[in-house]
Protein backbone atom coordinates (compact mmCIF):
# COMPACT_ATOMS: atom_id res chain seq x y z
CA MET A 1 10.00 -9.58 28.60
CA SER A 2 10.70 -10.41 32.22
CA THR A 3 10.09 -7.87 34.95
CA SER A 4 13.79 -7.82 35.88
CA MET A 5 14.74 -7.11 32.25
CA GLU A 6 12.19 -4.28 32.06
CA GLN A 7 13.64 -2.80 35.24
CA LEU A 8 17.15 -3.03 33.80
CA TYR A 9 16.00 -1.29 30.62
CA GLN A 10 14.26 1.43 32.64
CA GLN A 11 17.47 1.96 34.60
CA VAL A 12 19.52 2.33 31.40
CA ILE A 13 17.12 5.03 30.18
CA LEU A 14 17.16 6.82 33.53
CA ASP A 15 20.98 6.69 33.70
CA HIS A 16 21.36 8.19 30.22
CA ALA A 17 18.80 10.89 31.04
CA LYS A 18 20.55 11.77 34.30
CA TYR A 19 24.12 11.53 32.93
CA PRO A 20 23.77 12.31 29.21
CA HIS A 21 26.61 11.57 26.80
CA GLY A 22 27.54 14.18 24.20
CA ARG A 23 25.52 16.95 25.81
CA GLY A 24 26.76 20.47 25.19
CA LEU A 25 26.94 22.35 21.93
CA GLY A 26 30.34 23.55 20.91
CA SER A 27 32.93 24.05 18.27
CA PRO A 28 33.23 21.75 15.29
CA VAL A 29 36.04 19.24 14.99
CA VAL A 30 39.16 20.89 13.57
CA GLY A 31 40.33 19.55 10.24
CA ASP A 32 38.53 18.27 7.19
CA ALA A 33 35.16 17.73 8.82
CA ARG A 34 31.84 19.08 7.55
CA THR A 35 29.63 20.36 10.35
CA ALA A 36 25.90 20.97 10.44
CA GLU A 37 23.20 21.57 13.02
CA SER A 38 19.54 20.66 13.28
CA HIS A 39 16.89 21.80 15.74
CA GLN A 40 13.85 19.55 16.14
CA VAL A 41 10.73 19.88 18.27
CA ASN A 42 8.10 17.28 19.10
CA PRO A 43 4.93 19.41 18.91
CA THR A 44 2.94 16.75 20.77
CA CYS A 45 4.82 17.19 24.05
CA GLY A 46 7.27 20.07 23.57
CA ASP A 47 10.47 18.00 23.74
CA GLU A 48 13.25 19.57 21.71
CA VAL A 49 16.83 18.91 20.68
CA THR A 50 19.51 20.86 18.86
CA LEU A 51 22.13 18.50 17.47
CA GLN A 52 25.48 19.25 15.81
CA VAL A 53 27.33 16.64 13.78
CA ASP A 54 30.82 16.56 12.28
CA VAL A 55 31.50 14.24 9.34
CA ASP A 56 35.01 13.84 7.94
CA THR A 57 35.86 13.59 4.24
CA ALA A 58 35.95 9.78 4.49
CA GLY A 59 32.30 9.77 5.57
CA VAL A 60 32.87 9.00 9.25
CA VAL A 61 30.90 10.73 12.00
CA ARG A 62 33.62 12.30 14.14
CA ASP A 63 31.45 13.96 16.75
CA VAL A 64 27.88 14.57 17.84
CA ARG A 65 27.02 17.34 20.30
CA TRP A 66 23.56 18.27 21.48
CA GLU A 67 21.40 20.24 23.85
CA GLY A 68 17.79 19.56 24.60
CA GLN A 69 14.96 19.50 27.02
CA GLY A 70 12.11 17.14 27.53
CA CYS A 71 11.24 13.78 28.96
CA SER A 72 13.69 11.11 30.03
CA ILE A 73 12.99 9.12 26.88
CA SER A 74 13.89 11.90 24.44
CA GLN A 75 16.99 12.95 26.34
CA ALA A 76 18.23 9.40 26.96
CA SER A 77 17.64 8.45 23.33
CA VAL A 78 19.90 11.21 21.99
CA SER A 79 22.53 10.29 24.61
CA VAL A 80 22.48 6.67 23.41
CA LEU A 81 22.52 7.88 19.78
CA HIS A 82 25.75 9.75 20.55
CA ASP A 83 27.42 6.58 21.84
CA LEU A 84 26.26 4.54 18.85
CA VAL A 85 27.22 6.81 15.96
CA VAL A 86 30.46 8.59 16.90
CA ASP A 87 33.35 7.09 14.88
CA GLN A 88 30.97 5.14 12.63
CA ASP A 89 30.84 5.49 8.86
CA LEU A 90 27.68 6.82 7.27
CA GLY A 91 26.58 3.36 6.10
CA ALA A 92 26.74 2.02 9.64
CA VAL A 93 24.93 5.12 10.96
CA ASP A 94 22.16 4.64 8.39
CA ASP A 95 21.88 0.97 9.37
CA LEU A 96 21.70 1.83 13.08
CA ALA A 97 19.04 4.49 12.45
CA GLY A 98 16.97 2.03 10.42
CA THR A 99 17.27 -0.63 13.09
CA PHE A 100 16.23 1.82 15.80
CA ARG A 101 13.21 2.94 13.73
CA ALA A 102 12.26 -0.71 13.26
CA LEU A 103 12.54 -1.24 17.01
CA MET A 104 10.16 1.67 17.60
CA GLN A 105 7.73 0.19 15.06
CA SER A 106 7.82 -3.26 16.70
CA LYS A 107 5.19 -2.16 19.25
CA GLY A 108 7.32 -3.51 22.09
CA ALA A 109 7.95 -6.93 20.55
CA GLY A 110 11.64 -6.27 19.95
CA LEU A 111 13.74 -7.35 16.98
CA GLY A 112 15.73 -10.32 18.24
CA ASP A 113 19.18 -10.85 19.67
CA GLU A 114 21.21 -9.76 16.63
CA ALA A 115 19.45 -6.39 16.38
CA GLU A 116 19.63 -5.87 20.15
CA ASP A 117 23.37 -6.57 20.09
CA LYS A 118 23.79 -4.01 17.29
CA LEU A 119 21.75 -1.42 19.20
CA GLY A 120 23.51 -1.84 22.54
CA ASP A 121 21.91 0.45 25.12
CA ALA A 122 19.33 1.54 22.53
CA ALA A 123 17.68 -1.86 22.98
CA ALA A 124 16.46 -0.45 26.30
CA PHE A 125 13.85 1.48 24.32
CA THR A 126 12.06 -1.71 23.20
CA GLY A 127 9.08 -1.11 25.50
CA VAL A 128 8.68 2.46 24.26
CA GLY A 129 7.25 1.09 21.01
CA ARG A 130 4.10 0.10 22.89
CA TYR A 131 3.23 3.76 23.39
CA SER A 132 2.83 5.61 20.11
CA ALA A 133 3.02 9.03 21.78
CA ARG A 134 6.41 8.09 23.26
CA VAL A 135 7.85 6.79 19.97
CA LYS A 136 8.16 10.38 18.71
CA CYS A 137 10.11 11.22 21.86
CA ALA A 138 12.56 8.38 21.27
CA LEU A 139 12.99 9.27 17.58
CA LEU A 140 13.50 13.02 18.06
CA GLY A 141 17.31 12.90 18.21
CA TRP A 142 17.47 10.47 15.30
CA VAL A 143 15.39 12.86 13.17
CA ALA A 144 17.79 15.68 14.12
CA LEU A 145 20.79 13.52 13.22
CA ASN A 146 19.35 12.64 9.81
CA ASP A 147 18.58 16.29 9.07
CA ALA A 148 22.05 17.43 10.18
CA LEU A 149 23.74 14.74 8.09
CA ILE A 150 21.82 15.88 5.02
CA LYS A 151 22.88 19.47 5.74
CA THR A 152 26.56 18.46 5.80
CA GLY A 153 26.22 17.25 2.22
CA ALA A 154 27.77 13.95 3.29
CA THR A 155 24.53 12.06 2.73
CA ARG A 156 21.78 12.41 0.17
CA THR A 157 18.10 12.91 0.65
CA LYS A 158 15.73 10.27 -0.70
CA GLU A 159 14.78 12.73 -3.45
CA ASP A 160 18.45 12.94 -4.53
CA ALA A 161 18.92 9.16 -4.69
């Protein structure tokens, strides 16, 4: 990856950390939405996030709200997650989560143009995969989202499948 591209990616992460999207816990969406909350902690570094999710009866994520503390990577990742999953159906959310996990497992190699287009700003985390200790930071919000979705009853655990 070129130096200018790395700088752009670093700036995206810093911008999301400084001006996070979806930050602030609150009331659930009014209507036929199922709401759940998950609190996750990365014991390695102490980063933490509490995430609330609302899923409507059609299986669409209507809102994601969160609070957290930690490094720029963990906070920016959950901000980007918010932008990616709100108004997406559960199948698309599962696909995005799997693609992001694959990106983190790529050890900084990336996944190609199609995956980067799908991930949008989340592609900025490509370089994070080179640092195994930082991968947990980037995945923290995604783990919270998965747990909260299971708690809504809108999605099944692997054991239920």
